[in-house]
Amino acid sequence: MFRVLDYDIEVKDELISEALKYLPEKKRNVILLSFFLDMTDTEIAKHMNLVRSTIHHHRVSSLQALKKIMEGIRNGEIK
């Protein structure tokens, strides 16, 4: 369970939930709002007082980082 902007977001997949913990809070929040609450970059930017392009950058870089983190967890390189 993650708390973001007064929302409680439940992540049922253990691997994704664990990997999200390794992201910086701001990037983790962008992923959670985007993929679990279906918010657009514009909506997230408004809530987080950031510009849309920053949200886009956070989302793209966070997805790349999550992929690497999840691979590391699966391979036992990250605990």
C-alpha atoms as a PDB file:
ATOM      1  CA  MET A   1       0.000   0.000   0.000  1.00  0.00           C
ATOM      2  CA  PHE A   2       1.352   3.394  -1.004  1.00  0.00           C
ATOM      3  CA  ARG A   3       0.010   6.807   0.037  1.00  0.00           C
ATOM      4  CA  VAL A   4       0.123   9.475  -2.687  1.00  0.00           C
ATOM      5  CA  LEU A   5      -1.669  12.866  -2.580  1.00  0.00           C
ATOM      6  CA  ASP A   6      -4.378  11.676  -0.174  1.00  0.00           C
ATOM      7  CA  TYR A   7      -4.869   8.463  -2.190  1.00  0.00           C
ATOM      8  CA  ASP A   8      -4.179   4.991  -0.832  1.00  0.00           C
ATOM      9  CA  ILE A   9      -2.899   2.913  -3.733  1.00  0.00           C
ATOM     10  CA  GLU A  10      -2.732  -0.849  -3.370  1.00  0.00           C
ATOM     11  CA  VAL A  11      -0.185  -2.670  -5.502  1.00  0.00           C
ATOM     12  CA  LYS A  12      -1.061  -6.356  -5.516  1.00  0.00           C
ATOM     13  CA  ASP A  13       1.920  -7.604  -7.530  1.00  0.00           C
ATOM     14  CA  GLU A  14       4.734  -8.295  -5.041  1.00  0.00           C
ATOM     15  CA  LEU A  15       7.571  -7.763  -7.517  1.00  0.00           C
ATOM     16  CA  ILE A  16       6.236  -4.406  -8.712  1.00  0.00           C
ATOM     17  CA  SER A  17       5.495  -3.310  -5.154  1.00  0.00           C
ATOM     18  CA  GLU A  18       9.008  -4.193  -4.013  1.00  0.00           C
ATOM     19  CA  ALA A  19      10.633  -2.510  -7.030  1.00  0.00           C
ATOM     20  CA  LEU A  20       8.631   0.695  -6.485  1.00  0.00           C
ATOM     21  CA  LYS A  21      10.214   1.040  -3.031  1.00  0.00           C
ATOM     22  CA  TYR A  22      13.613   1.563  -4.673  1.00  0.00           C
ATOM     23  CA  LEU A  23      12.479   4.586  -6.695  1.00  0.00           C
ATOM     24  CA  PRO A  24      12.768   8.136  -5.321  1.00  0.00           C
ATOM     25  CA  GLU A  25       9.429   9.263  -3.889  1.00  0.00           C
ATOM     26  CA  LYS A  26       8.621  11.772  -6.624  1.00  0.00           C
ATOM     27  CA  LYS A  27       9.243   9.258  -9.415  1.00  0.00           C
ATOM     28  CA  ARG A  28       7.354   6.529  -7.559  1.00  0.00           C
ATOM     29  CA  ASN A  29       4.390   8.874  -7.146  1.00  0.00           C
ATOM     30  CA  VAL A  30       4.327   9.646 -10.874  1.00  0.00           C
ATOM     31  CA  ILE A  31       4.226   5.912 -11.692  1.00  0.00           C
ATOM     32  CA  LEU A  32       1.513   5.209  -9.142  1.00  0.00           C
ATOM     33  CA  LEU A  33      -0.690   8.101 -10.254  1.00  0.00           C
ATOM     34  CA  SER A  34      -0.182   7.332 -13.926  1.00  0.00           C
ATOM     35  CA  PHE A  35      -0.641   3.567 -13.977  1.00  0.00           C
ATOM     36  CA  PHE A  36      -2.771   2.857 -10.930  1.00  0.00           C
ATOM     37  CA  LEU A  37      -5.066   5.912 -10.953  1.00  0.00           C
ATOM     38  CA  ASP A  38      -4.991   6.457 -14.742  1.00  0.00           C
ATOM     39  CA  MET A  39      -4.055  10.129 -14.424  1.00  0.00           C
ATOM     40  CA  THR A  40      -2.612  11.952 -17.423  1.00  0.00           C
ATOM     41  CA  ASP A  41       0.744  13.724 -17.279  1.00  0.00           C
ATOM     42  CA  THR A  42      -1.140  17.027 -17.259  1.00  0.00           C
ATOM     43  CA  GLU A  43      -3.295  15.987 -14.292  1.00  0.00           C
ATOM     44  CA  ILE A  44      -0.282  14.722 -12.354  1.00  0.00           C
ATOM     45  CA  ALA A  45       1.654  17.905 -13.110  1.00  0.00           C
ATOM     46  CA  LYS A  46      -1.198  19.995 -11.740  1.00  0.00           C
ATOM     47  CA  HIS A  47      -1.388  17.964  -8.513  1.00  0.00           C
ATOM     48  CA  MET A  48       2.383  17.962  -8.005  1.00  0.00           C
ATOM     49  CA  ASN A  49       2.944  21.595  -9.061  1.00  0.00           C
ATOM     50  CA  LEU A  50       5.319  20.585 -11.837  1.00  0.00           C
ATOM     51  CA  VAL A  51       5.290  21.055 -15.595  1.00  0.00           C
ATOM     52  CA  ARG A  52       3.934  18.307 -17.833  1.00  0.00           C
ATOM     53  CA  SER A  53       7.285  17.678 -19.518  1.00  0.00           C
ATOM     54  CA  THR A  54       8.891  16.984 -16.120  1.00  0.00           C
ATOM     55  CA  ILE A  55       6.195  14.433 -15.339  1.00  0.00           C
ATOM     56  CA  HIS A  56       6.744  12.809 -18.737  1.00  0.00           C
ATOM     57  CA  HIS A  57      10.493  12.604 -18.077  1.00  0.00           C
ATOM     58  CA  HIS A  58       9.930  11.130 -14.590  1.00  0.00           C
ATOM     59  CA  ARG A  59       7.525   8.532 -15.976  1.00  0.00           C
ATOM     60  CA  VAL A  60       9.802   7.410 -18.813  1.00  0.00           C
ATOM     61  CA  SER A  61      12.962   7.265 -16.688  1.00  0.00           C
ATOM     62  CA  SER A  62      11.104   5.544 -13.851  1.00  0.00           C
ATOM     63  CA  LEU A  63       9.830   2.803 -16.138  1.00  0.00           C
ATOM     64  CA  GLN A  64      13.375   2.138 -17.340  1.00  0.00           C
ATOM     65  CA  ALA A  65      14.625   2.054 -13.753  1.00  0.00           C
ATOM     66  CA  LEU A  66      11.776  -0.238 -12.646  1.00  0.00           C
ATOM     67  CA  LYS A  67      12.641  -2.715 -15.377  1.00  0.00           C
ATOM     68  CA  LYS A  68      16.254  -2.881 -14.185  1.00  0.00           C
ATOM     69  CA  ILE A  69      15.243  -3.093 -10.527  1.00  0.00           C
ATOM     70  CA  MET A  70      12.769  -5.902 -11.208  1.00  0.00           C
ATOM     71  CA  GLU A  71      15.406  -7.830 -13.162  1.00  0.00           C
ATOM     72  CA  GLY A  72      17.812  -7.351 -10.255  1.00  0.00           C
ATOM     73  CA  ILE A  73      15.252  -8.626  -7.763  1.00  0.00           C
ATOM     74  CA  ARG A  74      14.434 -11.654  -9.951  1.00  0.00           C
ATOM     75  CA  ASN A  75      18.126 -12.485 -10.359  1.00  0.00           C
ATOM     76  CA  GLY A  76      18.796 -12.113  -6.639  1.00  0.00           C
ATOM     77  CA  GLU A  77      21.101  -9.145  -7.191  1.00  0.00           C
ATOM     78  CA  ILE A  78      18.777  -6.817  -5.242  1.00  0.00           C
ATOM     79  CA  LYS A  79      17.200  -7.870  -1.969  1.00  0.00           C
END
